[in-house]
């Protein structure tokens, strides 16, 4: 059979998008991995599937990593999902809501950008018990919809992200499910750069929305940097993280703003 798909990207983080509101398309792990394969398939960091909402939101958000495993959330994917679903009806919506495993989120269209209202972060662990000899930097932990580890380094450009990212991702501190690994550099009090190793992709991606949020919030905790914080990603874009700090180590009203672009659409035989 032929499967109709769309290709989108958010700051270089790219996705296959499927309109599955009729729930007629079965998406086994092997099929998702094949669709995301950059040599034999469409090629993507992950797959987004639109399904009917169950609890009052406009849509249900399903996100699968490139290995076919389902994840709770994806910040760049959520922006693409918001842009995509805003165009599904007869009229383009300015705001859409969607259910995720991490909670119900909203996406607001702001000119060419999409702003996602994220769920409140949790599971903070500053200076976590995660020593990586080759990294030589403290590792901090925060869940911003999915688990993230963040380390601030001086030489981000020459860092071996694959080596250090895998070491963090598979460290016993994060067993058995692992974590995403982010490496950041401070450019100014309100401006950082980031590179991310994503679990499920098992390599560096050009951007990771939830990773940007984790790095920006930990930067605030360590330095009192004000909101919003700009984040440069490997794909070349600069995104913005907004937040309110509600206590010594807690946040609310976390937002992620940046581009979400249609690339192409087509049909593929499955």
C-alpha atoms as a PDB file:
ATOM      1  CA  UNK A   1       0.000   0.000   0.000  1.00  0.00           C
ATOM      2  CA  UNK A   2       0.986   3.624  -0.427  1.00  0.00           C
ATOM      3  CA  UNK A   3       1.479   5.813   2.629  1.00  0.00           C
ATOM      4  CA  UNK A   4       1.065   9.573   2.199  1.00  0.00           C
ATOM      5  CA  UNK A   5       3.568  11.527   4.277  1.00  0.00           C
ATOM      6  CA  UNK A   6       4.916  14.995   4.884  1.00  0.00           C
ATOM      7  CA  UNK A   7       8.491  15.983   5.666  1.00  0.00           C
ATOM      8  CA  UNK A   8       9.075  18.839   8.123  1.00  0.00           C
ATOM      9  CA  UNK A   9      11.972  20.238  10.082  1.00  0.00           C
ATOM     10  CA  UNK A  10      12.334  22.349  13.181  1.00  0.00           C
ATOM     11  CA  UNK A  11      15.726  24.087  13.307  1.00  0.00           C
ATOM     12  CA  UNK A  12      17.226  21.173  11.372  1.00  0.00           C
ATOM     13  CA  UNK A  13      15.637  18.454  13.516  1.00  0.00           C
ATOM     14  CA  UNK A  14      13.691  16.624  10.779  1.00  0.00           C
ATOM     15  CA  UNK A  15      10.560  14.498  10.907  1.00  0.00           C
ATOM     16  CA  UNK A  16       8.274  12.318   8.843  1.00  0.00           C
ATOM     17  CA  UNK A  17       4.690  13.419   9.592  1.00  0.00           C
ATOM     18  CA  UNK A  18       1.670  11.135   9.133  1.00  0.00           C
ATOM     19  CA  UNK A  19      -1.996  12.167   9.350  1.00  0.00           C
ATOM     20  CA  UNK A  20      -3.414   9.117  11.116  1.00  0.00           C
ATOM     21  CA  UNK A  21      -6.638  10.583  12.488  1.00  0.00           C
ATOM     22  CA  UNK A  22      -8.573   7.656  11.035  1.00  0.00           C
ATOM     23  CA  UNK A  23      -6.210   5.227  12.838  1.00  0.00           C
ATOM     24  CA  UNK A  24      -6.029   3.095   9.692  1.00  0.00           C
ATOM     25  CA  UNK A  25      -2.236   3.087   9.473  1.00  0.00           C
ATOM     26  CA  UNK A  26      -0.483   0.571  11.698  1.00  0.00           C
ATOM     27  CA  UNK A  27       2.944   1.859  12.724  1.00  0.00           C
ATOM     28  CA  UNK A  28       5.060  -1.024  14.022  1.00  0.00           C
ATOM     29  CA  UNK A  29       8.568  -0.259  15.226  1.00  0.00           C
ATOM     30  CA  UNK A  30      10.193  -1.851  12.177  1.00  0.00           C
ATOM     31  CA  UNK A  31       8.170   0.294   9.746  1.00  0.00           C
ATOM     32  CA  UNK A  32       8.995   3.519  11.583  1.00  0.00           C
ATOM     33  CA  UNK A  33      12.713   2.672  11.580  1.00  0.00           C
ATOM     34  CA  UNK A  34      12.534   1.904   7.856  1.00  0.00           C
ATOM     35  CA  UNK A  35      10.759   5.187   7.066  1.00  0.00           C
ATOM     36  CA  UNK A  36      13.354   7.155   9.056  1.00  0.00           C
ATOM     37  CA  UNK A  37      16.312   5.353   7.436  1.00  0.00           C
ATOM     38  CA  UNK A  38      18.306   7.998   5.534  1.00  0.00           C
ATOM     39  CA  UNK A  39      19.623   5.532   2.953  1.00  0.00           C
ATOM     40  CA  UNK A  40      16.638   3.276   2.239  1.00  0.00           C
ATOM     41  CA  UNK A  41      13.665   5.331   3.416  1.00  0.00           C
ATOM     42  CA  UNK A  42      12.495   8.931   3.627  1.00  0.00           C
ATOM     43  CA  UNK A  43      15.089   9.844   6.235  1.00  0.00           C
ATOM     44  CA  UNK A  44      14.372  11.619   9.523  1.00  0.00           C
ATOM     45  CA  UNK A  45      15.287  11.967  13.189  1.00  0.00           C
ATOM     46  CA  UNK A  46      11.815  10.709  14.073  1.00  0.00           C
ATOM     47  CA  UNK A  47       8.203  10.252  13.049  1.00  0.00           C
ATOM     48  CA  UNK A  48       5.157  12.265  14.125  1.00  0.00           C
ATOM     49  CA  UNK A  49       1.671  10.783  13.901  1.00  0.00           C
ATOM     50  CA  UNK A  50      -1.521  12.824  14.282  1.00  0.00           C
ATOM     51  CA  UNK A  51      -4.282  10.890  16.049  1.00  0.00           C
ATOM     52  CA  UNK A  52      -7.718  11.873  17.428  1.00  0.00           C
ATOM     53  CA  UNK A  53      -7.653  13.454  20.877  1.00  0.00           C
ATOM     54  CA  UNK A  54      -9.129  11.637  23.852  1.00  0.00           C
ATOM     55  CA  UNK A  55      -9.383  14.303  26.567  1.00  0.00           C
ATOM     56  CA  UNK A  56     -10.578  17.515  24.954  1.00  0.00           C
ATOM     57  CA  UNK A  57      -7.516  18.754  23.068  1.00  0.00           C
ATOM     58  CA  UNK A  58      -7.568  19.311  19.310  1.00  0.00           C
ATOM     59  CA  UNK A  59      -5.317  16.343  18.497  1.00  0.00           C
ATOM     60  CA  UNK A  60      -3.208  13.574  19.974  1.00  0.00           C
ATOM     61  CA  UNK A  61       0.573  13.722  19.468  1.00  0.00           C
ATOM     62  CA  UNK A  62       2.492  10.492  18.916  1.00  0.00           C
ATOM     63  CA  UNK A  63       6.274  10.728  18.558  1.00  0.00           C
ATOM     64  CA  UNK A  64       8.667   7.938  17.618  1.00  0.00           C
ATOM     65  CA  UNK A  65      12.467   8.134  17.507  1.00  0.00           C
ATOM     66  CA  UNK A  66      14.341   6.993  14.411  1.00  0.00           C
ATOM     67  CA  UNK A  67      14.797   3.528  15.933  1.00  0.00           C
ATOM     68  CA  UNK A  68      11.021   3.133  16.103  1.00  0.00           C
ATOM     69  CA  UNK A  69      10.714   3.526  19.864  1.00  0.00           C
ATOM     70  CA  UNK A  70       8.006   5.860  21.168  1.00  0.00           C
ATOM     71  CA  UNK A  71       9.097   8.830  23.282  1.00  0.00           C
ATOM     72  CA  UNK A  72       7.127  11.024  25.658  1.00  0.00           C
ATOM     73  CA  UNK A  73       7.810  14.315  23.905  1.00  0.00           C
ATOM     74  CA  UNK A  74       9.960  16.178  21.411  1.00  0.00           C
ATOM     75  CA  UNK A  75      10.170  19.957  21.511  1.00  0.00           C
ATOM     76  CA  UNK A  76      11.106  20.536  17.874  1.00  0.00           C
ATOM     77  CA  UNK A  77       8.664  17.831  16.876  1.00  0.00           C
ATOM     78  CA  UNK A  78       5.941  19.572  18.873  1.00  0.00           C
ATOM     79  CA  UNK A  79       6.522  22.801  16.951  1.00  0.00           C
ATOM     80  CA  UNK A  80       6.283  20.924  13.645  1.00  0.00           C
ATOM     81  CA  UNK A  81       3.212  19.088  14.908  1.00  0.00           C
ATOM     82  CA  UNK A  82       1.631  22.415  15.849  1.00  0.00           C
ATOM     83  CA  UNK A  83       2.352  23.955  12.443  1.00  0.00           C
ATOM     84  CA  UNK A  84       1.060  20.834  10.661  1.00  0.00           C
ATOM     85  CA  UNK A  85      -2.169  20.493  12.626  1.00  0.00           C
ATOM     86  CA  UNK A  86      -2.887  24.229  12.394  1.00  0.00           C
ATOM     87  CA  UNK A  87      -3.353  23.640   8.648  1.00  0.00           C
ATOM     88  CA  UNK A  88      -5.529  20.510   8.877  1.00  0.00           C
ATOM     89  CA  UNK A  89      -8.886  22.303   9.027  1.00  0.00           C
ATOM     90  CA  UNK A  90     -10.581  24.591   6.529  1.00  0.00           C
ATOM     91  CA  UNK A  91      -9.237  27.606   8.441  1.00  0.00           C
ATOM     92  CA  UNK A  92      -5.656  27.937   9.648  1.00  0.00           C
ATOM     93  CA  UNK A  93      -5.610  28.024  13.442  1.00  0.00           C
ATOM     94  CA  UNK A  94      -3.460  30.428  15.466  1.00  0.00           C
ATOM     95  CA  UNK A  95      -3.394  28.081  18.474  1.00  0.00           C
ATOM     96  CA  UNK A  96      -3.743  24.291  18.626  1.00  0.00           C
ATOM     97  CA  UNK A  97      -3.663  21.958  21.608  1.00  0.00           C
ATOM     98  CA  UNK A  98      -2.534  18.363  21.640  1.00  0.00           C
ATOM     99  CA  UNK A  99      -2.189  15.514  24.078  1.00  0.00           C
ATOM    100  CA  UNK A 100       1.240  13.976  24.658  1.00  0.00           C
ATOM    101  CA  UNK A 101       2.519  11.375  27.083  1.00  0.00           C
ATOM    102  CA  UNK A 102       4.146  14.300  28.926  1.00  0.00           C
ATOM    103  CA  UNK A 103       0.835  16.203  29.211  1.00  0.00           C
ATOM    104  CA  UNK A 104      -1.371  18.465  27.089  1.00  0.00           C
ATOM    105  CA  UNK A 105       0.559  21.202  25.263  1.00  0.00           C
ATOM    106  CA  UNK A 106      -0.387  24.213  23.162  1.00  0.00           C
ATOM    107  CA  UNK A 107       1.298  25.595  20.056  1.00  0.00           C
ATOM    108  CA  UNK A 108       0.890  29.217  19.008  1.00  0.00           C
ATOM    109  CA  UNK A 109       1.720  30.446  15.492  1.00  0.00           C
ATOM    110  CA  UNK A 110       3.796  33.625  15.671  1.00  0.00           C
ATOM    111  CA  UNK A 111       4.688  34.840  12.164  1.00  0.00           C
ATOM    112  CA  UNK A 112       7.119  32.220  10.805  1.00  0.00           C
ATOM    113  CA  UNK A 113       7.792  30.733  14.243  1.00  0.00           C
ATOM    114  CA  UNK A 114       5.868  28.426  16.526  1.00  0.00           C
ATOM    115  CA  UNK A 115       5.849  28.841  20.304  1.00  0.00           C
ATOM    116  CA  UNK A 116       5.214  25.759  22.394  1.00  0.00           C
ATOM    117  CA  UNK A 117       3.963  26.004  25.974  1.00  0.00           C
ATOM    118  CA  UNK A 118       5.913  23.173  27.586  1.00  0.00           C
ATOM    119  CA  UNK A 119       5.022  21.086  30.619  1.00  0.00           C
ATOM    120  CA  UNK A 120       6.715  21.970  33.912  1.00  0.00           C
ATOM    121  CA  UNK A 121      10.142  20.323  34.276  1.00  0.00           C
ATOM    122  CA  UNK A 122      10.916  17.827  37.054  1.00  0.00           C
ATOM    123  CA  UNK A 123      13.550  15.402  38.370  1.00  0.00           C
ATOM    124  CA  UNK A 124      16.220  18.082  38.743  1.00  0.00           C
ATOM    125  CA  UNK A 125      19.621  16.847  39.900  1.00  0.00           C
ATOM    126  CA  UNK A 126      22.416  19.418  39.849  1.00  0.00           C
ATOM    127  CA  UNK A 127      25.948  17.979  39.920  1.00  0.00           C
ATOM    128  CA  UNK A 128      24.630  14.473  39.322  1.00  0.00           C
ATOM    129  CA  UNK A 129      26.629  11.357  40.106  1.00  0.00           C
ATOM    130  CA  UNK A 130      27.809  10.902  36.524  1.00  0.00           C
ATOM    131  CA  UNK A 131      31.551  11.200  36.032  1.00  0.00           C
ATOM    132  CA  UNK A 132      32.792  11.058  32.435  1.00  0.00           C
ATOM    133  CA  UNK A 133      36.597  11.160  32.362  1.00  0.00           C
ATOM    134  CA  UNK A 134      36.831  12.255  28.719  1.00  0.00           C
ATOM    135  CA  UNK A 135      34.377  15.107  29.334  1.00  0.00           C
ATOM    136  CA  UNK A 136      35.920  16.775  32.379  1.00  0.00           C
ATOM    137  CA  UNK A 137      32.741  18.700  33.247  1.00  0.00           C
ATOM    138  CA  UNK A 138      29.912  18.448  35.752  1.00  0.00           C
ATOM    139  CA  UNK A 139      26.722  16.779  34.559  1.00  0.00           C
ATOM    140  CA  UNK A 140      23.309  18.102  35.548  1.00  0.00           C
ATOM    141  CA  UNK A 141      19.954  16.375  35.068  1.00  0.00           C
ATOM    142  CA  UNK A 142      16.465  17.690  34.290  1.00  0.00           C
ATOM    143  CA  UNK A 143      13.366  16.176  32.707  1.00  0.00           C
ATOM    144  CA  UNK A 144      11.638  18.635  30.354  1.00  0.00           C
ATOM    145  CA  UNK A 145       9.201  16.102  28.936  1.00  0.00           C
ATOM    146  CA  UNK A 146      11.954  13.557  28.349  1.00  0.00           C
ATOM    147  CA  UNK A 147      15.100  13.027  30.458  1.00  0.00           C
ATOM    148  CA  UNK A 148      18.133  15.178  29.732  1.00  0.00           C
ATOM    149  CA  UNK A 149      21.676  15.471  31.005  1.00  0.00           C
ATOM    150  CA  UNK A 150      23.472  18.795  30.497  1.00  0.00           C
ATOM    151  CA  UNK A 151      27.171  19.642  30.764  1.00  0.00           C
ATOM    152  CA  UNK A 152      28.696  23.079  30.184  1.00  0.00           C
ATOM    153  CA  UNK A 153      32.021  22.996  28.349  1.00  0.00           C
ATOM    154  CA  UNK A 154      34.554  25.560  27.111  1.00  0.00           C
ATOM    155  CA  UNK A 155      35.350  24.056  23.704  1.00  0.00           C
ATOM    156  CA  UNK A 156      31.984  23.075  22.284  1.00  0.00           C
ATOM    157  CA  UNK A 157      33.102  23.251  18.658  1.00  0.00           C
ATOM    158  CA  UNK A 158      35.777  20.545  18.993  1.00  0.00           C
ATOM    159  CA  UNK A 159      33.975  18.333  21.500  1.00  0.00           C
ATOM    160  CA  UNK A 160      33.595  14.677  20.491  1.00  0.00           C
ATOM    161  CA  UNK A 161      29.797  14.582  20.845  1.00  0.00           C
ATOM    162  CA  UNK A 162      29.457  10.966  19.717  1.00  0.00           C
ATOM    163  CA  UNK A 163      31.982   9.659  22.257  1.00  0.00           C
ATOM    164  CA  UNK A 164      30.893  11.777  25.206  1.00  0.00           C
ATOM    165  CA  UNK A 165      27.217  11.649  24.298  1.00  0.00           C
ATOM    166  CA  UNK A 166      27.203   7.862  24.233  1.00  0.00           C
ATOM    167  CA  UNK A 167      29.122   7.751  27.526  1.00  0.00           C
ATOM    168  CA  UNK A 168      26.462   9.902  29.204  1.00  0.00           C
ATOM    169  CA  UNK A 169      23.507   8.276  27.453  1.00  0.00           C
ATOM    170  CA  UNK A 170      24.515   4.766  28.603  1.00  0.00           C
ATOM    171  CA  UNK A 171      25.923   5.722  32.028  1.00  0.00           C
ATOM    172  CA  UNK A 172      24.673   3.576  34.900  1.00  0.00           C
ATOM    173  CA  UNK A 173      23.191   6.701  36.530  1.00  0.00           C
ATOM    174  CA  UNK A 174      20.507   6.666  33.825  1.00  0.00           C
ATOM    175  CA  UNK A 175      19.899   2.922  33.517  1.00  0.00           C
ATOM    176  CA  UNK A 176      17.879   1.232  32.240  1.00  0.00           C
ATOM    177  CA  UNK A 177      16.220   3.704  29.849  1.00  0.00           C
ATOM    178  CA  UNK A 178      19.135   6.067  29.287  1.00  0.00           C
ATOM    179  CA  UNK A 179      19.050   9.813  28.716  1.00  0.00           C
ATOM    180  CA  UNK A 180      19.645  12.461  26.092  1.00  0.00           C
ATOM    181  CA  UNK A 181      23.017  14.188  26.437  1.00  0.00           C
ATOM    182  CA  UNK A 182      23.486  17.928  25.881  1.00  0.00           C
ATOM    183  CA  UNK A 183      26.700  19.917  25.786  1.00  0.00           C
ATOM    184  CA  UNK A 184      26.429  23.686  26.090  1.00  0.00           C
ATOM    185  CA  UNK A 185      28.661  26.748  26.048  1.00  0.00           C
ATOM    186  CA  UNK A 186      27.877  30.164  27.521  1.00  0.00           C
ATOM    187  CA  UNK A 187      28.107  32.916  24.894  1.00  0.00           C
ATOM    188  CA  UNK A 188      26.582  35.721  26.999  1.00  0.00           C
ATOM    189  CA  UNK A 189      24.508  35.854  30.194  1.00  0.00           C
ATOM    190  CA  UNK A 190      21.305  35.327  28.170  1.00  0.00           C
ATOM    191  CA  UNK A 191      22.760  33.343  25.263  1.00  0.00           C
ATOM    192  CA  UNK A 192      24.135  29.794  25.013  1.00  0.00           C
ATOM    193  CA  UNK A 193      25.093  27.359  22.263  1.00  0.00           C
ATOM    194  CA  UNK A 194      24.264  23.643  22.396  1.00  0.00           C
ATOM    195  CA  UNK A 195      25.015  20.303  20.758  1.00  0.00           C
ATOM    196  CA  UNK A 196      22.898  17.238  21.528  1.00  0.00           C
ATOM    197  CA  UNK A 197      23.280  13.464  21.380  1.00  0.00           C
ATOM    198  CA  UNK A 198      19.769  11.977  21.217  1.00  0.00           C
ATOM    199  CA  UNK A 199      18.864   8.543  22.466  1.00  0.00           C
ATOM    200  CA  UNK A 200      16.843   6.630  19.898  1.00  0.00           C
ATOM    201  CA  UNK A 201      18.776   8.406  17.155  1.00  0.00           C
ATOM    202  CA  UNK A 202      22.051   7.309  18.794  1.00  0.00           C
ATOM    203  CA  UNK A 203      23.933  10.228  17.378  1.00  0.00           C
ATOM    204  CA  UNK A 204      24.098  14.003  17.208  1.00  0.00           C
ATOM    205  CA  UNK A 205      21.092  15.864  15.826  1.00  0.00           C
ATOM    206  CA  UNK A 206      21.023  19.425  14.506  1.00  0.00           C
ATOM    207  CA  UNK A 207      18.643  20.500  17.270  1.00  0.00           C
ATOM    208  CA  UNK A 208      16.657  19.144  20.215  1.00  0.00           C
ATOM    209  CA  UNK A 209      13.886  21.297  21.669  1.00  0.00           C
ATOM    210  CA  UNK A 210      13.521  19.638  25.060  1.00  0.00           C
ATOM    211  CA  UNK A 211      17.323  19.613  25.332  1.00  0.00           C
ATOM    212  CA  UNK A 212      17.442  23.357  24.690  1.00  0.00           C
ATOM    213  CA  UNK A 213      14.892  23.887  27.453  1.00  0.00           C
ATOM    214  CA  UNK A 214      16.874  21.736  29.886  1.00  0.00           C
ATOM    215  CA  UNK A 215      20.137  23.546  29.109  1.00  0.00           C
ATOM    216  CA  UNK A 216      18.550  27.007  29.382  1.00  0.00           C
ATOM    217  CA  UNK A 217      16.875  26.243  32.713  1.00  0.00           C
ATOM    218  CA  UNK A 218      20.026  24.726  34.204  1.00  0.00           C
ATOM    219  CA  UNK A 219      21.959  27.761  32.953  1.00  0.00           C
ATOM    220  CA  UNK A 220      19.502  29.910  34.903  1.00  0.00           C
ATOM    221  CA  UNK A 221      19.941  27.802  38.038  1.00  0.00           C
ATOM    222  CA  UNK A 222      23.728  27.995  37.859  1.00  0.00           C
ATOM    223  CA  UNK A 223      24.089  31.663  36.883  1.00  0.00           C
ATOM    224  CA  UNK A 224      20.718  33.406  37.489  1.00  0.00           C
ATOM    225  CA  UNK A 225      20.561  34.231  33.769  1.00  0.00           C
ATOM    226  CA  UNK A 226      17.276  36.036  33.019  1.00  0.00           C
ATOM    227  CA  UNK A 227      14.409  34.828  30.849  1.00  0.00           C
ATOM    228  CA  UNK A 228      14.283  34.563  27.878  1.00  0.00           C
ATOM    229  CA  UNK A 229      17.476  32.739  26.981  1.00  0.00           C
ATOM    230  CA  UNK A 230      18.603  32.454  23.362  1.00  0.00           C
ATOM    231  CA  UNK A 231      20.008  29.101  22.244  1.00  0.00           C
ATOM    232  CA  UNK A 232      22.161  28.537  19.137  1.00  0.00           C
ATOM    233  CA  UNK A 233      21.839  25.007  17.722  1.00  0.00           C
ATOM    234  CA  UNK A 234      24.068  22.974  15.436  1.00  0.00           C
ATOM    235  CA  UNK A 235      21.625  23.469  12.546  1.00  0.00           C
ATOM    236  CA  UNK A 236      22.407  27.196  12.528  1.00  0.00           C
ATOM    237  CA  UNK A 237      19.174  28.550  14.016  1.00  0.00           C
ATOM    238  CA  UNK A 238      18.731  30.538  17.215  1.00  0.00           C
ATOM    239  CA  UNK A 239      15.706  29.656  19.337  1.00  0.00           C
ATOM    240  CA  UNK A 240      14.312  31.230  22.494  1.00  0.00           C
ATOM    241  CA  UNK A 241      13.405  29.677  25.821  1.00  0.00           C
ATOM    242  CA  UNK A 242      11.091  31.602  28.117  1.00  0.00           C
ATOM    243  CA  UNK A 243      10.262  30.645  31.710  1.00  0.00           C
ATOM    244  CA  UNK A 244       9.210  31.742  35.165  1.00  0.00           C
ATOM    245  CA  UNK A 245      11.248  30.568  38.130  1.00  0.00           C
ATOM    246  CA  UNK A 246       8.798  29.819  40.921  1.00  0.00           C
ATOM    247  CA  UNK A 247      11.168  28.699  43.652  1.00  0.00           C
ATOM    248  CA  UNK A 248      14.781  27.896  44.353  1.00  0.00           C
ATOM    249  CA  UNK A 249      14.769  25.009  41.879  1.00  0.00           C
ATOM    250  CA  UNK A 250      11.341  25.035  40.191  1.00  0.00           C
ATOM    251  CA  UNK A 251       9.933  26.547  36.990  1.00  0.00           C
ATOM    252  CA  UNK A 252       6.617  27.115  35.265  1.00  0.00           C
ATOM    253  CA  UNK A 253       5.389  28.702  32.022  1.00  0.00           C
ATOM    254  CA  UNK A 254       8.319  27.271  30.065  1.00  0.00           C
ATOM    255  CA  UNK A 255       8.083  28.116  26.355  1.00  0.00           C
ATOM    256  CA  UNK A 256      10.095  27.116  23.299  1.00  0.00           C
ATOM    257  CA  UNK A 257       9.976  29.406  20.256  1.00  0.00           C
ATOM    258  CA  UNK A 258      11.519  28.754  16.862  1.00  0.00           C
ATOM    259  CA  UNK A 259      10.950  27.746  13.241  1.00  0.00           C
ATOM    260  CA  UNK A 260       8.892  24.808  11.970  1.00  0.00           C
ATOM    261  CA  UNK A 261       8.987  24.337   8.218  1.00  0.00           C
ATOM    262  CA  UNK A 262       7.309  22.143   5.614  1.00  0.00           C
ATOM    263  CA  UNK A 263       9.905  20.559   3.298  1.00  0.00           C
ATOM    264  CA  UNK A 264       7.960  18.291   0.947  1.00  0.00           C
ATOM    265  CA  UNK A 265       5.199  15.687   0.788  1.00  0.00           C
ATOM    266  CA  UNK A 266       4.866  12.425  -1.089  1.00  0.00           C
ATOM    267  CA  UNK A 267       3.834   8.793  -1.122  1.00  0.00           C
ATOM    268  CA  UNK A 268       5.927   5.784  -0.215  1.00  0.00           C
ATOM    269  CA  UNK A 269       5.159   2.108  -0.660  1.00  0.00           C
ATOM    270  CA  UNK A 270       5.034   0.166   2.616  1.00  0.00           C
END
